[in-house]
N, C-alpha and C. Protein backbone atom coordinates (compact mmCIF):
# COMPACT_ATOMS: atom_id res chain seq x y z
N MET A 1 1.05 -0.84 0.02
CA MET A 1 0.17 0.13 -0.24
C MET A 1 1.00 1.41 0.35
N GLY A 2 0.45 2.29 -0.94
CA GLY A 2 1.68 3.76 -0.93
C GLY A 2 0.98 4.25 0.19
N GLY A 3 1.94 5.76 -0.07
CA GLY A 3 1.92 6.48 0.98
C GLY A 3 0.76 7.39 0.80
N GLU A 4 -0.47 7.22 0.01
CA GLU A 4 -1.33 7.86 0.03
C GLU A 4 -2.51 8.26 0.63
N TYR A 5 -2.50 6.84 1.52
CA TYR A 5 -3.70 6.12 2.24
C TYR A 5 -2.93 6.50 3.71
N TYR A 6 -2.13 6.47 4.02
CA TYR A 6 -1.11 7.31 5.38
C TYR A 6 -2.52 7.93 5.99
N LYS A 7 -2.70 9.04 5.86
CA LYS A 7 -3.33 9.52 6.67
C LYS A 7 -5.11 9.16 6.24
N LEU A 8 -5.37 8.64 5.59
CA LEU A 8 -6.70 7.80 5.40
C LEU A 8 -6.72 7.04 6.88
N ASN A 9 -5.25 5.73 6.77
CA ASN A 9 -5.63 4.75 7.79
C ASN A 9 -5.23 5.22 9.47
N THR A 10 -4.65 6.47 9.56
CA THR A 10 -4.37 7.09 10.59
C THR A 10 -5.91 7.01 11.42
N PHE A 11 -6.81 7.51 10.93
CA PHE A 11 -8.09 7.87 10.92
C PHE A 11 -8.65 7.30 11.37
N LEU A 12 -8.74 6.10 9.93
CA LEU A 12 -9.61 5.07 10.38
C LEU A 12 -9.46 4.30 11.80
N LYS A 13 -7.95 4.04 11.99
CA LYS A 13 -7.39 3.19 13.15
C LYS A 13 -8.14 4.10 14.40
N SER A 14 -8.30 5.53 14.15
CA SER A 14 -8.40 6.19 15.54
C SER A 14 -9.68 6.13 15.88
N GLN A 15 -10.68 5.55 14.64
CA GLN A 15 -12.01 5.64 14.76
C GLN A 15 -12.27 3.54 14.80
N GLY A 16 -11.67 2.94 15.00
CA GLY A 16 -11.62 1.46 15.58
C GLY A 16 -11.84 0.84 14.26
N ILE A 17 -11.66 1.31 12.87
CA ILE A 17 -11.71 0.83 11.46
C ILE A 17 -10.98 0.41 11.36
N LEU A 18 -10.95 -0.73 10.76
CA LEU A 18 -10.07 -1.58 9.90
C LEU A 18 -10.08 -1.68 8.66
N HIS A 19 -8.86 -0.63 7.82
CA HIS A 19 -8.93 -0.72 6.49
C HIS A 19 -8.36 -1.61 5.37
N ARG A 20 -8.91 -2.30 4.76
CA ARG A 20 -8.78 -3.62 4.09
C ARG A 20 -8.95 -3.32 2.29
N ILE A 21 -7.96 -3.72 1.52
CA ILE A 21 -8.00 -3.55 0.34
C ILE A 21 -8.32 -4.35 -0.47
N ALA A 22 -8.92 -4.79 -1.33
CA ALA A 22 -8.71 -5.72 -2.41
C ALA A 22 -8.15 -6.14 -3.09
N CYS A 23 -7.57 -7.61 -3.50
CA CYS A 23 -6.18 -7.51 -4.07
C CYS A 23 -7.02 -7.78 -5.46
N ALA A 24 -5.81 -7.89 -6.75
CA ALA A 24 -6.41 -7.34 -7.96
C ALA A 24 -6.16 -8.93 -8.39
N GLN A 25 -7.40 -8.99 -9.28
CA GLN A 25 -7.63 -10.19 -10.22
C GLN A 25 -8.28 -11.14 -8.96
N THR A 26 -9.23 -10.81 -7.78
CA THR A 26 -9.46 -11.57 -7.39
C THR A 26 -11.01 -11.76 -7.51
N HIS A 27 -11.88 -12.21 -8.34
CA HIS A 27 -13.07 -12.10 -8.65
C HIS A 27 -13.65 -11.99 -7.25
N GLU A 28 -13.33 -13.02 -6.09
CA GLU A 28 -14.57 -13.10 -4.84
C GLU A 28 -14.52 -11.02 -4.16
N GLN A 29 -13.33 -10.66 -4.49
CA GLN A 29 -13.78 -9.10 -4.06
C GLN A 29 -14.17 -8.63 -4.62
N ASN A 30 -14.01 -8.79 -5.75
CA ASN A 30 -14.04 -7.50 -6.67
C ASN A 30 -15.67 -7.30 -6.65
N GLU A 31 -16.25 -8.79 -6.81
CA GLU A 31 -17.92 -8.85 -7.53
C GLU A 31 -18.33 -7.78 -6.57
N LEU A 32 -17.96 -7.58 -5.14
CA LEU A 32 -18.65 -7.25 -4.02
C LEU A 32 -18.79 -5.81 -4.55
N ALA A 33 -17.37 -5.41 -4.99
CA ALA A 33 -17.61 -4.32 -5.19
C ALA A 33 -17.97 -3.55 -6.46
N GLU A 34 -18.02 -4.56 -7.26
CA GLU A 34 -18.81 -4.42 -8.71
C GLU A 34 -20.61 -3.93 -8.28
N CYS A 35 -20.76 -4.66 -7.19
CA CYS A 35 -22.70 -4.74 -7.10
C CYS A 35 -22.65 -3.56 -5.81
N LYS A 36 -21.85 -2.69 -5.15
CA LYS A 36 -22.01 -1.93 -4.96
C LYS A 36 -21.83 -0.57 -5.73
N ILE A 37 -20.85 -0.86 -6.83
CA ILE A 37 -21.23 0.58 -7.66
C ILE A 37 -22.72 0.53 -8.56
N CYS A 38 -22.57 -0.63 -9.10
CA CYS A 38 -24.17 -0.90 -9.44
C CYS A 38 -25.44 -0.22 -8.69
N HIS A 39 -25.11 -0.64 -7.50
CA HIS A 39 -26.49 0.05 -6.71
C HIS A 39 -26.54 1.88 -6.80
N ILE A 40 -25.09 2.48 -6.39
CA ILE A 40 -24.78 3.35 -6.30
C ILE A 40 -25.10 4.41 -8.06
N VAL A 41 -24.76 3.85 -8.88
CA VAL A 41 -25.27 4.07 -10.34
C VAL A 41 -27.28 4.25 -10.39
N TYR A 42 -27.54 3.00 -10.02
CA TYR A 42 -29.04 2.47 -10.70
C TYR A 42 -29.88 3.76 -9.17
N SER A 43 -28.52 3.90 -8.37
CA SER A 43 -30.34 5.06 -7.04
C SER A 43 -29.95 6.49 -7.92
N ARG A 44 -28.95 6.91 -8.51
CA ARG A 44 -28.57 7.85 -8.88
C ARG A 44 -29.81 8.43 -10.24
N LEU A 45 -29.79 7.25 -11.27
CA LEU A 45 -30.34 7.44 -11.83
C LEU A 45 -32.18 7.41 -11.46
N THR A 46 -32.29 6.53 -10.91
CA THR A 46 -33.41 7.08 -9.64
C THR A 46 -33.90 8.14 -9.27
N LEU A 47 -32.93 8.55 -8.53
CA LEU A 47 -33.08 9.71 -7.59
C LEU A 47 -33.05 11.38 -8.94
N LEU A 48 -32.47 10.93 -10.39
CA LEU A 48 -32.97 12.10 -11.76
C LEU A 48 -34.08 11.70 -11.95
N ALA A 49 -34.46 10.64 -12.48
CA ALA A 49 -35.67 9.91 -12.91
C ALA A 49 -36.97 10.97 -11.77
N LEU A 50 -36.84 10.16 -10.69
CA LEU A 50 -37.97 10.78 -9.93
C LEU A 50 -38.28 11.72 -9.18
N GLY A 51 -37.02 12.72 -9.13
CA GLY A 51 -36.93 13.84 -9.15
C GLY A 51 -37.29 15.22 -10.21
N GLY A 52 -37.63 14.45 -11.58
CA GLY A 52 -37.12 15.64 -12.42
C GLY A 52 -36.14 16.09 -12.89
N VAL A 53 -35.06 16.01 -12.12
CA VAL A 53 -34.11 16.28 -12.39
C VAL A 53 -33.10 16.23 -13.78
N LEU A 54 -32.23 17.34 -13.88
CA LEU A 54 -31.46 17.43 -15.16
C LEU A 54 -30.33 16.41 -15.65
N PHE A 55 -30.05 15.88 -16.49
CA PHE A 55 -28.98 15.33 -16.36
C PHE A 55 -27.74 15.81 -15.94
N LYS A 56 -27.55 16.74 -16.54
CA LYS A 56 -26.05 17.94 -16.08
C LYS A 56 -25.62 17.61 -14.22
N TYR A 57 -27.35 17.31 -13.51
CA TYR A 57 -26.53 17.64 -12.14
C TYR A 57 -26.18 16.06 -11.39
N GLN A 58 -25.55 15.32 -12.22
CA GLN A 58 -25.59 14.24 -11.91
C GLN A 58 -24.33 13.93 -10.72
N PRO A 59 -23.49 14.91 -10.94
CA PRO A 59 -22.26 14.60 -9.79
C PRO A 59 -23.20 14.86 -8.28
N TYR A 60 -23.89 15.72 -8.27
CA TYR A 60 -25.00 16.09 -7.02
C TYR A 60 -25.66 14.82 -6.94
N ALA A 61 -26.33 14.12 -7.66
CA ALA A 61 -26.92 12.88 -7.43
C ALA A 61 -26.14 11.81 -7.07
N PHE A 62 -24.92 11.64 -7.67
CA PHE A 62 -23.75 10.60 -6.75
C PHE A 62 -23.70 10.54 -5.24
N ASP A 63 -23.18 12.24 -4.91
CA ASP A 63 -23.31 12.69 -3.77
C ASP A 63 -24.33 12.28 -2.72
N ASN A 64 -25.23 12.55 -2.97
CA ASN A 64 -26.49 12.37 -2.22
C ASN A 64 -27.21 10.89 -2.32
N VAL A 65 -26.40 10.38 -3.20
CA VAL A 65 -26.74 8.94 -3.12
C VAL A 65 -26.30 8.27 -2.17
N VAL A 66 -25.07 8.33 -2.19
CA VAL A 66 -23.87 7.73 -1.14
C VAL A 66 -23.92 7.97 0.17
N LYS A 67 -24.83 9.46 0.46
CA LYS A 67 -25.19 10.39 1.48
C LYS A 67 -26.57 9.45 1.97
N ILE A 68 -27.45 8.71 1.12
CA ILE A 68 -28.52 8.37 1.71
C ILE A 68 -28.45 6.86 2.26
N ILE A 69 -27.44 6.53 1.08
CA ILE A 69 -26.96 4.65 1.51
C ILE A 69 -26.64 4.75 3.01
N ASN A 70 -25.52 5.79 3.13
CA ASN A 70 -24.63 5.88 4.45
C ASN A 70 -25.74 6.28 5.45
N TYR A 71 -26.91 6.60 5.63
CA TYR A 71 -27.59 7.04 6.36
C TYR A 71 -28.72 6.03 6.38
N LEU A 72 -28.93 4.52 5.60
CA LEU A 72 -29.55 4.03 5.84
C LEU A 72 -29.19 2.40 6.92
N PRO A 73 -30.22 1.83 7.75
CA PRO A 73 -29.45 1.03 8.24
C PRO A 73 -29.14 0.07 7.61
N SER A 74 -28.13 -0.69 7.93
CA SER A 74 -27.69 -1.84 7.19
C SER A 74 -27.76 -3.59 7.96
N ILE A 75 -27.82 -4.46 7.61
CA ILE A 75 -27.84 -6.21 8.08
C ILE A 75 -26.23 -5.90 8.59
N VAL A 76 -25.34 -5.46 7.95
CA VAL A 76 -23.74 -5.53 8.06
C VAL A 76 -23.48 -5.05 9.56
N THR A 77 -24.00 -3.44 9.53
CA THR A 77 -24.23 -3.05 10.80
C THR A 77 -24.81 -2.93 12.04
N HIS A 78 -25.46 -4.78 12.17
CA HIS A 78 -26.42 -4.81 12.90
C HIS A 78 -27.93 -3.78 13.26
N ASN A 79 -28.45 -3.80 11.85
CA ASN A 79 -29.59 -2.85 11.97
C ASN A 79 -29.15 -1.14 11.97
N SER A 80 -27.89 -0.84 12.27
CA SER A 80 -27.39 0.61 12.57
C SER A 80 -26.69 1.23 11.40
N SER A 81 -26.73 2.38 11.09
CA SER A 81 -26.85 3.15 9.69
C SER A 81 -24.95 3.14 10.07
N PRO A 82 -24.27 3.04 8.73
CA PRO A 82 -22.77 3.45 8.64
C PRO A 82 -22.56 5.12 9.50
N TYR A 83 -23.67 6.05 8.89
CA TYR A 83 -23.47 6.95 9.53
C TYR A 83 -23.02 7.09 11.25
N PHE A 84 -24.10 6.18 11.75
CA PHE A 84 -24.85 6.33 13.42
C PHE A 84 -23.22 5.75 14.14
N LYS A 85 -22.58 4.65 12.91
CA LYS A 85 -21.01 4.11 13.81
C LYS A 85 -20.27 4.79 13.40
N LEU A 86 -19.83 5.58 12.76
CA LEU A 86 -19.11 6.81 12.41
C LEU A 86 -19.08 7.69 13.14
N PHE A 87 -19.98 8.39 13.39
CA PHE A 87 -20.35 9.72 14.04
C PHE A 87 -21.17 9.43 15.50
N GLY A 88 -21.76 8.05 15.91
CA GLY A 88 -22.20 8.55 16.63
C GLY A 88 -24.11 9.00 17.18
N LYS A 89 -24.16 9.44 16.07
CA LYS A 89 -25.55 9.94 16.03
C LYS A 89 -26.70 9.61 14.89
N HIS A 90 -27.85 9.51 15.19
CA HIS A 90 -28.55 9.55 14.34
C HIS A 90 -28.19 10.51 12.72
N ALA A 91 -29.01 10.63 11.50
CA ALA A 91 -29.00 11.40 10.33
C ALA A 91 -30.17 11.95 10.33
N HIS A 92 -30.66 12.85 10.08
CA HIS A 92 -31.44 13.82 9.61
C HIS A 92 -32.02 13.29 8.32
N TYR A 93 -33.49 13.83 7.95
CA TYR A 93 -34.24 12.99 7.27
C TYR A 93 -34.63 14.40 6.20
N LYS A 94 -33.48 15.06 6.49
CA LYS A 94 -33.72 16.33 5.37
C LYS A 94 -33.41 15.81 3.92
N ALA A 95 -32.00 15.20 4.57
CA ALA A 95 -31.29 14.87 2.90
C ALA A 95 -31.92 13.97 2.09
N PHE A 96 -33.08 13.04 2.65
CA PHE A 96 -33.42 11.96 1.56
C PHE A 96 -34.51 13.02 0.60
N LYS A 97 -34.89 14.19 0.44
CA LYS A 97 -35.65 15.19 0.01
C LYS A 97 -34.65 16.00 -0.84
N VAL A 98 -33.73 16.01 -1.29
CA VAL A 98 -32.95 16.75 -2.20
C VAL A 98 -33.28 17.19 -3.02
N PHE A 99 -33.84 15.67 -4.11
CA PHE A 99 -34.21 15.88 -5.32
C PHE A 99 -35.79 16.02 -5.62
N GLY A 100 -36.47 15.95 -4.04
CA GLY A 100 -37.72 16.13 -4.66
C GLY A 100 -38.09 14.47 -4.06
N CYS A 101 -37.62 13.70 -3.86
CA CYS A 101 -37.84 12.68 -3.76
C CYS A 101 -39.13 11.94 -3.02
N HIS A 102 -40.17 11.03 -3.37
CA HIS A 102 -40.65 10.92 -1.74
C HIS A 102 -39.97 9.91 -0.85
N VAL A 103 -40.51 9.71 0.49
CA VAL A 103 -39.42 9.46 1.24
C VAL A 103 -40.90 8.42 1.98
N PHE A 104 -40.92 6.83 2.04
CA PHE A 104 -41.76 6.46 2.77
C PHE A 104 -40.81 5.72 3.81
N PRO A 105 -40.99 6.16 5.02
CA PRO A 105 -40.33 5.18 6.20
C PRO A 105 -40.97 4.02 6.52
N LEU A 106 -40.28 2.86 6.84
CA LEU A 106 -40.88 1.48 7.27
C LEU A 106 -40.76 1.53 8.40
N LEU A 107 -42.78 1.39 8.37
CA LEU A 107 -43.80 1.42 10.04
C LEU A 107 -43.72 0.01 10.33
N ARG A 108 -43.55 -0.21 11.43
CA ARG A 108 -43.55 -1.83 11.81
C ARG A 108 -44.72 -1.73 12.09
N PRO A 109 -46.11 -2.69 11.54
CA PRO A 109 -47.29 -3.18 12.31
C PRO A 109 -47.43 -2.83 13.96
N TYR A 110 -49.00 -2.23 13.75
CA TYR A 110 -49.28 -1.87 15.04
C TYR A 110 -49.98 -3.63 15.59
N LYS A 111 -49.91 -3.36 16.99
CA LYS A 111 -50.82 -5.01 17.19
C LYS A 111 -52.06 -4.44 18.07
């Protein structure tokens, strides 16, 4: 690993995060990365289409899609959001309406 990751590794270590990099030409590791990239790309297209936003704003859509994904709970983080794991506080729902899209919260059935 080159020196370009030194500051990042120092920060991640201080947060208790283990930084791992994928081995080149390893299908098992690259498949996970490709799946996440597809998720981000398709989510960006959805934001642009549902919000009626011009295609020239796609860099902002990428930024917001990654932010939204990091705000959502994940099974990997034991139903906590990556944002909460990193900052220790819950995200604000205002970020979900950036492109005028609808938000449908998951409401558990009442008994």
